[in-house]
């Protein structure tokens, strides 16, 4: 019989329990079948880290915070592995994990089409004002005044970051008849099939729509700021389905107020940590910048749901447990970030300097 192994899963919702449990039942690995899953609704952070007592590994999501202090607590409690059920890992101090000898792995890609399709849905909603039309019709208002949009065909769209999601977005937009530009320090032939690479400044100056598809690192934090917004074509629409920290909120509010920015669609927000994935409908939300964004008629906000499809949740759960199986069997894991005390992916070597 495999030795008992306990996995503490943080930031869990009903769908996390459903898909992880389903993936465990369908796993061919006897070791995975023997793992005990303990679900915690709360995020993993300095206050909740003691809940990992008795766990051999923890499983986290995008808004869990694992700085060095949390990792030290986990290691002291006997935790040996950190499993991210997401692609981004900006919330984990990898250098600290390396020093502590923790094993860390992520889910590098899950249904990239799901995020790309949602980004396109946000873009077209802001572009054609369907969110406003929906509310009007429900009130018996069938007037078209103020609902003028633009035809997407023939417009220039800038894609910042051409990983799997960026390529999926390019493929979709090509079908709409758009001219595509991309900015990425590591060009790929996969994108050249759809458009051309240019510097970020040129992309911003030429694009009618800009969609962000890059990871959050120190190099990309606030890549959209007062300076880069000033380079954008007047009236352009910005879409972000990647990480909230890519966008400097105060700067986009100023650009919206001056009408330089023609529209904004966000599925992520830099201050989302204490808000998203929870019901705050009965609360007074204290984030003034977020509330200010909700007052603009040309702004669309969602709660970090671009990934949220049956296919993506299935792949996230299955890949997470495959990563765990690799750890348990001590075989190389293609998705490992830190393994056997060695940092495998360094932030300063990522293709993110744009």
Protein backbone atom coordinates (compact mmCIF):
# COMPACT_ATOMS: atom_id res chain seq x y z
CA UNK A 1 0.00 0.00 0.00
CA UNK A 2 1.28 3.51 -0.79
CA UNK A 3 2.29 5.57 2.23
CA UNK A 4 -0.42 8.01 3.41
CA UNK A 5 -0.15 11.44 1.80
CA UNK A 6 -2.17 14.52 2.65
CA UNK A 7 -2.84 17.38 0.24
CA UNK A 8 -4.29 20.61 1.63
CA UNK A 9 -6.18 22.53 -1.05
CA UNK A 10 -6.67 26.25 -0.38
CA UNK A 11 -9.05 28.83 -1.88
CA UNK A 12 -11.48 26.08 -2.80
CA UNK A 13 -14.95 26.50 -4.19
CA UNK A 14 -17.53 23.83 -4.92
CA UNK A 15 -16.20 23.40 -8.45
CA UNK A 16 -12.64 22.86 -7.19
CA UNK A 17 -13.83 20.05 -4.96
CA UNK A 18 -15.88 18.53 -7.77
CA UNK A 19 -13.19 18.55 -10.44
CA UNK A 20 -10.27 17.55 -8.21
CA UNK A 21 -12.27 14.70 -6.71
CA UNK A 22 -13.35 13.58 -10.16
CA UNK A 23 -9.77 13.71 -11.44
CA UNK A 24 -8.58 11.69 -8.46
CA UNK A 25 -11.20 9.01 -9.09
CA UNK A 26 -10.22 8.72 -12.75
CA UNK A 27 -6.46 8.77 -12.16
CA UNK A 28 -4.70 5.50 -13.08
CA UNK A 29 -2.14 6.10 -10.31
CA UNK A 30 -2.56 4.07 -7.13
CA UNK A 31 -0.61 6.70 -5.25
CA UNK A 32 -2.97 9.47 -6.33
CA UNK A 33 -5.96 7.33 -5.38
CA UNK A 34 -4.52 7.04 -1.87
CA UNK A 35 -4.00 10.78 -1.38
CA UNK A 36 -6.23 12.45 1.21
CA UNK A 37 -7.63 15.75 -0.07
CA UNK A 38 -8.41 18.36 2.58
CA UNK A 39 -10.25 21.40 1.26
CA UNK A 40 -10.01 24.86 2.80
CA UNK A 41 -12.29 27.66 1.64
CA UNK A 42 -9.86 30.34 2.80
CA UNK A 43 -6.83 31.52 0.81
CA UNK A 44 -3.35 30.51 1.90
CA UNK A 45 -1.58 33.49 3.46
CA UNK A 46 0.39 34.32 6.62
CA UNK A 47 -2.74 34.05 8.78
CA UNK A 48 -3.99 30.72 7.42
CA UNK A 49 -0.69 28.91 6.86
CA UNK A 50 -1.08 26.96 10.16
CA UNK A 51 -4.04 25.14 8.56
CA UNK A 52 -1.46 23.19 6.57
CA UNK A 53 -0.37 21.34 9.69
CA UNK A 54 -0.39 17.62 8.91
CA UNK A 55 -0.26 18.17 5.15
CA UNK A 56 2.55 16.86 2.98
CA UNK A 57 1.74 19.29 0.17
CA UNK A 58 -0.45 22.32 -0.47
CA UNK A 59 -2.42 23.26 -3.56
CA UNK A 60 -3.01 26.97 -4.24
CA UNK A 61 -4.69 29.32 -6.71
CA UNK A 62 -4.04 32.78 -8.16
CA UNK A 63 -4.79 34.93 -5.10
CA UNK A 64 -3.02 32.83 -2.49
CA UNK A 65 0.08 34.59 -1.15
CA UNK A 66 3.27 32.59 -0.55
CA UNK A 67 6.07 35.00 0.33
CA UNK A 68 9.16 33.70 2.11
CA UNK A 69 7.53 33.85 5.56
CA UNK A 70 4.62 31.63 4.50
CA UNK A 71 6.93 29.16 2.79
CA UNK A 72 9.07 29.00 5.94
CA UNK A 73 5.95 28.21 7.97
CA UNK A 74 4.90 25.51 5.52
CA UNK A 75 8.35 23.92 5.55
CA UNK A 76 8.40 23.95 9.35
CA UNK A 77 5.02 22.17 9.36
CA UNK A 78 6.43 19.42 7.17
CA UNK A 79 5.04 20.51 3.81
CA UNK A 80 7.29 19.30 1.01
CA UNK A 81 5.54 20.44 -2.17
CA UNK A 82 3.52 23.37 -3.51
CA UNK A 83 1.10 22.70 -6.36
CA UNK A 84 -0.25 25.69 -8.28
CA UNK A 85 -3.50 25.01 -10.09
CA UNK A 86 -2.82 27.97 -12.39
CA UNK A 87 -0.19 29.12 -14.88
CA UNK A 88 1.04 32.29 -13.17
CA UNK A 89 3.44 32.01 -10.25
CA UNK A 90 4.05 35.63 -9.32
CA UNK A 91 2.44 34.94 -5.92
CA UNK A 92 5.16 32.46 -4.88
CA UNK A 93 8.68 33.41 -3.76
CA UNK A 94 10.51 30.83 -5.83
CA UNK A 95 13.94 31.76 -4.50
CA UNK A 96 12.72 31.13 -0.95
CA UNK A 97 11.18 27.83 -2.04
CA UNK A 98 14.51 26.85 -3.57
CA UNK A 99 16.38 27.70 -0.36
CA UNK A 100 13.90 25.69 1.72
CA UNK A 101 14.09 22.66 -0.55
CA UNK A 102 10.41 22.81 -1.48
CA UNK A 103 9.17 21.29 -4.73
CA UNK A 104 6.95 23.63 -6.77
CA UNK A 105 4.97 22.95 -9.95
CA UNK A 106 2.25 24.73 -11.91
CA UNK A 107 -0.33 24.09 -14.62
CA UNK A 108 1.35 25.93 -17.51
CA UNK A 109 -1.55 25.87 -19.96
CA UNK A 110 -5.17 24.86 -19.74
CA UNK A 111 -7.58 25.37 -22.57
CA UNK A 112 -5.89 28.55 -23.86
CA UNK A 113 -8.85 28.96 -26.19
CA UNK A 114 -11.08 29.47 -23.13
CA UNK A 115 -9.21 32.63 -22.10
CA UNK A 116 -8.82 33.86 -25.68
CA UNK A 117 -12.52 33.40 -26.41
CA UNK A 118 -13.42 35.28 -23.26
CA UNK A 119 -11.03 38.11 -24.14
CA UNK A 120 -12.73 38.40 -27.52
CA UNK A 121 -16.14 38.39 -25.81
CA UNK A 122 -15.05 41.26 -23.57
CA UNK A 123 -13.62 43.18 -26.50
CA UNK A 124 -16.78 42.87 -28.55
CA UNK A 125 -19.04 43.64 -25.60
CA UNK A 126 -17.29 46.96 -25.01
CA UNK A 127 -16.95 47.56 -28.75
CA UNK A 128 -20.63 46.96 -29.58
CA UNK A 129 -22.01 48.03 -26.18
CA UNK A 130 -24.10 44.89 -25.81
CA UNK A 131 -23.93 45.13 -22.01
CA UNK A 132 -25.69 48.48 -22.15
CA UNK A 133 -28.20 47.28 -24.76
CA UNK A 134 -29.09 44.29 -22.58
CA UNK A 135 -29.95 46.50 -19.62
CA UNK A 136 -31.89 48.96 -21.77
CA UNK A 137 -34.12 46.34 -23.36
CA UNK A 138 -34.96 44.86 -19.97
CA UNK A 139 -36.37 48.27 -19.07
CA UNK A 140 -38.32 48.55 -22.33
CA UNK A 141 -35.85 51.02 -23.87
CA UNK A 142 -35.17 50.12 -27.49
CA UNK A 143 -33.42 53.35 -28.44
CA UNK A 144 -30.11 52.96 -30.28
CA UNK A 145 -28.74 56.34 -29.20
CA UNK A 146 -25.36 55.89 -27.54
CA UNK A 147 -24.92 52.30 -28.75
CA UNK A 148 -22.83 53.04 -31.85
CA UNK A 149 -19.99 50.56 -32.25
CA UNK A 150 -17.24 49.84 -34.74
CA UNK A 151 -16.82 46.99 -37.21
CA UNK A 152 -13.97 44.78 -36.06
CA UNK A 153 -13.09 43.61 -39.56
CA UNK A 154 -10.22 45.64 -40.94
CA UNK A 155 -9.15 47.08 -37.59
CA UNK A 156 -5.67 46.71 -36.09
CA UNK A 157 -5.39 44.65 -32.91
CA UNK A 158 -2.24 44.58 -30.80
CA UNK A 159 -1.47 41.42 -28.82
CA UNK A 160 1.03 41.86 -26.00
CA UNK A 161 2.52 38.44 -25.32
CA UNK A 162 2.37 35.55 -27.79
CA UNK A 163 2.25 32.48 -25.62
CA UNK A 164 -0.43 29.86 -26.15
CA UNK A 165 -3.27 32.21 -25.18
CA UNK A 166 -1.91 35.05 -27.30
CA UNK A 167 -1.66 32.73 -30.30
CA UNK A 168 -5.21 31.47 -29.72
CA UNK A 169 -6.39 35.10 -29.62
CA UNK A 170 -4.55 35.84 -32.86
CA UNK A 171 -6.16 32.85 -34.55
CA UNK A 172 -9.63 34.03 -33.56
CA UNK A 173 -9.06 37.65 -34.57
CA UNK A 174 -7.63 36.62 -37.93
CA UNK A 175 -10.99 35.03 -38.63
CA UNK A 176 -12.61 38.41 -38.00
CA UNK A 177 -10.44 39.96 -40.70
CA UNK A 178 -8.24 41.99 -38.35
CA UNK A 179 -4.72 43.19 -38.96
CA UNK A 180 -2.60 41.81 -36.13
CA UNK A 181 0.48 43.22 -34.42
CA UNK A 182 2.34 41.62 -31.52
CA UNK A 183 4.98 42.64 -29.00
CA UNK A 184 7.08 39.94 -27.41
CA UNK A 185 10.88 39.80 -26.92
CA UNK A 186 10.83 36.15 -28.00
CA UNK A 187 9.01 36.05 -31.36
CA UNK A 188 7.56 32.76 -32.54
CA UNK A 189 6.78 31.47 -36.01
CA UNK A 190 3.35 30.48 -34.69
CA UNK A 191 2.30 34.14 -34.57
CA UNK A 192 3.94 35.15 -37.86
CA UNK A 193 1.26 33.10 -39.58
CA UNK A 194 -1.26 35.71 -38.41
CA UNK A 195 0.58 39.03 -38.14
CA UNK A 196 3.85 40.85 -37.54
CA UNK A 197 6.01 41.69 -34.55
CA UNK A 198 6.74 45.30 -33.64
CA UNK A 199 8.04 47.16 -30.60
CA UNK A 200 5.51 47.84 -27.85
CA UNK A 201 5.43 51.58 -28.52
CA UNK A 202 4.65 51.03 -32.19
CA UNK A 203 1.98 48.47 -31.33
CA UNK A 204 0.25 50.90 -28.99
CA UNK A 205 0.39 53.74 -31.51
CA UNK A 206 -1.14 51.70 -34.33
CA UNK A 207 -3.69 49.50 -32.57
CA UNK A 208 -7.41 50.16 -32.35
CA UNK A 209 -7.62 47.43 -29.71
CA UNK A 210 -4.92 46.11 -27.37
CA UNK A 211 -5.18 42.74 -25.60
CA UNK A 212 -2.75 41.72 -22.85
CA UNK A 213 -1.56 38.11 -22.69
CA UNK A 214 1.70 38.21 -20.75
CA UNK A 215 2.70 37.00 -17.27
CA UNK A 216 3.14 39.32 -14.31
CA UNK A 217 6.76 39.85 -13.30
CA UNK A 218 8.74 42.81 -12.03
CA UNK A 219 9.45 43.66 -15.68
CA UNK A 220 5.81 43.64 -16.75
CA UNK A 221 4.20 45.10 -13.62
CA UNK A 222 2.28 48.23 -14.68
CA UNK A 223 3.33 47.79 -18.30
CA UNK A 224 0.19 49.81 -18.96
CA UNK A 225 0.84 53.11 -17.20
CA UNK A 226 0.54 56.84 -17.85
CA UNK A 227 3.43 56.78 -20.32
CA UNK A 228 2.30 53.77 -22.35
CA UNK A 229 -1.33 54.90 -22.29
CA UNK A 230 -0.17 58.17 -23.78
CA UNK A 231 1.30 56.23 -26.70
CA UNK A 232 -1.99 54.51 -27.46
CA UNK A 233 -4.17 55.67 -30.31
CA UNK A 234 -6.92 57.99 -29.06
CA UNK A 235 -10.14 56.04 -28.64
CA UNK A 236 -8.44 52.62 -28.50
CA UNK A 237 -9.87 49.84 -26.35
CA UNK A 238 -7.75 47.94 -23.80
CA UNK A 239 -8.50 44.35 -22.72
CA UNK A 240 -6.76 42.52 -19.89
CA UNK A 241 -7.43 38.86 -19.10
CA UNK A 242 -3.93 38.08 -17.79
CA UNK A 243 -2.98 39.57 -14.42
CA UNK A 244 -4.31 42.71 -12.78
CA UNK A 245 -0.86 44.03 -11.94
CA UNK A 246 -0.11 44.62 -15.61
CA UNK A 247 -2.34 47.71 -15.49
CA UNK A 248 -1.81 50.79 -13.32
CA UNK A 249 -5.38 51.50 -12.26
CA UNK A 250 -4.97 55.17 -11.44
CA UNK A 251 -3.51 55.80 -14.89
CA UNK A 252 -6.34 54.09 -16.78
CA UNK A 253 -8.90 56.03 -14.76
CA UNK A 254 -7.19 59.26 -15.81
CA UNK A 255 -7.09 58.09 -19.45
CA UNK A 256 -10.80 57.25 -19.32
CA UNK A 257 -11.69 60.60 -17.77
CA UNK A 258 -9.76 62.47 -20.48
CA UNK A 259 -11.44 60.26 -23.13
CA UNK A 260 -8.07 59.28 -24.53
CA UNK A 261 -8.85 55.64 -23.74
CA UNK A 262 -11.96 54.66 -25.64
CA UNK A 263 -12.89 51.61 -23.59
CA UNK A 264 -11.60 49.18 -20.99
CA UNK A 265 -12.42 45.52 -20.36
CA UNK A 266 -10.90 43.86 -17.30
CA UNK A 267 -11.29 40.30 -16.12
CA UNK A 268 -8.47 40.89 -13.62
CA UNK A 269 -7.68 43.75 -11.26
CA UNK A 270 -4.52 44.57 -9.32
CA UNK A 271 -6.43 44.80 -6.04
CA UNK A 272 -8.57 41.72 -6.59
CA UNK A 273 -6.97 39.59 -3.87
CA UNK A 274 -9.42 40.36 -1.09
CA UNK A 275 -12.46 40.67 -3.34
CA UNK A 276 -12.66 38.25 -6.23
CA UNK A 277 -14.23 34.79 -5.89
CA UNK A 278 -16.35 36.00 -2.97
CA UNK A 279 -19.89 37.43 -2.74
CA UNK A 280 -19.65 41.03 -1.52
CA UNK A 281 -23.09 42.10 -2.73
CA UNK A 282 -24.16 42.93 0.82
CA UNK A 283 -20.96 44.76 1.71
CA UNK A 284 -19.69 48.29 1.27
CA UNK A 285 -16.63 47.79 -0.92
CA UNK A 286 -13.77 49.94 0.31
CA UNK A 287 -11.73 49.92 -2.92
CA UNK A 288 -12.40 53.41 -4.31
CA UNK A 289 -10.53 52.84 -7.58
CA UNK A 290 -12.49 49.70 -8.39
CA UNK A 291 -15.74 51.46 -7.59
CA UNK A 292 -14.73 54.42 -9.76
CA UNK A 293 -14.18 52.07 -12.68
CA UNK A 294 -17.74 50.77 -12.35
CA UNK A 295 -19.10 54.28 -13.02
CA UNK A 296 -17.77 54.48 -16.59
CA UNK A 297 -20.23 53.39 -19.30
CA UNK A 298 -17.33 52.20 -21.49
CA UNK A 299 -15.77 49.95 -18.84
CA UNK A 300 -16.59 46.26 -18.39
CA UNK A 301 -15.42 44.41 -15.28
CA UNK A 302 -15.57 40.69 -14.59
CA UNK A 303 -14.33 38.62 -11.65
CA UNK A 304 -11.40 36.66 -13.12
CA UNK A 305 -13.49 34.08 -14.93
CA UNK A 306 -11.84 33.84 -18.35
CA UNK A 307 -10.50 30.37 -17.48
CA UNK A 308 -13.85 29.16 -16.14
CA UNK A 309 -14.97 26.43 -18.53
CA UNK A 310 -15.60 22.73 -18.02
CA UNK A 311 -12.67 21.88 -20.25
CA UNK A 312 -10.25 24.17 -18.41
CA UNK A 313 -11.28 22.98 -14.95
CA UNK A 314 -10.87 19.37 -16.06
CA UNK A 315 -7.37 20.02 -17.38
CA UNK A 316 -6.37 22.04 -14.30
CA UNK A 317 -7.42 19.24 -11.96
CA UNK A 318 -5.89 16.46 -14.03
CA UNK A 319 -2.61 18.31 -14.60
CA UNK A 320 -2.35 19.21 -10.91
CA UNK A 321 -2.65 15.56 -9.93
CA UNK A 322 -0.24 14.48 -12.69
CA UNK A 323 2.28 16.92 -11.22
CA UNK A 324 1.70 15.44 -7.78
CA UNK A 325 2.13 11.93 -9.17
CA UNK A 326 5.49 12.97 -10.64
CA UNK A 327 6.53 14.27 -7.23
CA UNK A 328 5.43 11.13 -5.43
CA UNK A 329 7.23 8.89 -7.89
CA UNK A 330 10.32 11.12 -7.99
CA UNK A 331 10.31 11.39 -11.75
CA UNK A 332 11.04 14.58 -13.73
CA UNK A 333 8.00 16.85 -13.92
CA UNK A 334 7.76 19.00 -17.07
CA UNK A 335 5.78 21.61 -15.13
CA UNK A 336 8.13 21.95 -12.16
CA UNK A 337 9.37 25.42 -11.20
CA UNK A 338 11.54 24.29 -8.29
CA UNK A 339 12.79 20.72 -7.99
CA UNK A 340 15.26 19.11 -5.59
CA UNK A 341 16.43 22.47 -4.33
CA UNK A 342 17.01 23.89 -7.80
CA UNK A 343 15.11 26.80 -9.33
CA UNK A 344 14.22 25.71 -12.86
CA UNK A 345 12.52 28.90 -14.09
CA UNK A 346 14.09 32.24 -13.23
CA UNK A 347 12.05 35.41 -13.45
CA UNK A 348 14.87 37.28 -15.15
CA UNK A 349 15.03 34.68 -17.94
CA UNK A 350 11.32 34.71 -18.79
CA UNK A 351 10.26 36.12 -22.18
CA UNK A 352 8.59 39.15 -20.64
CA UNK A 353 10.82 42.17 -21.29
CA UNK A 354 8.74 44.06 -23.81
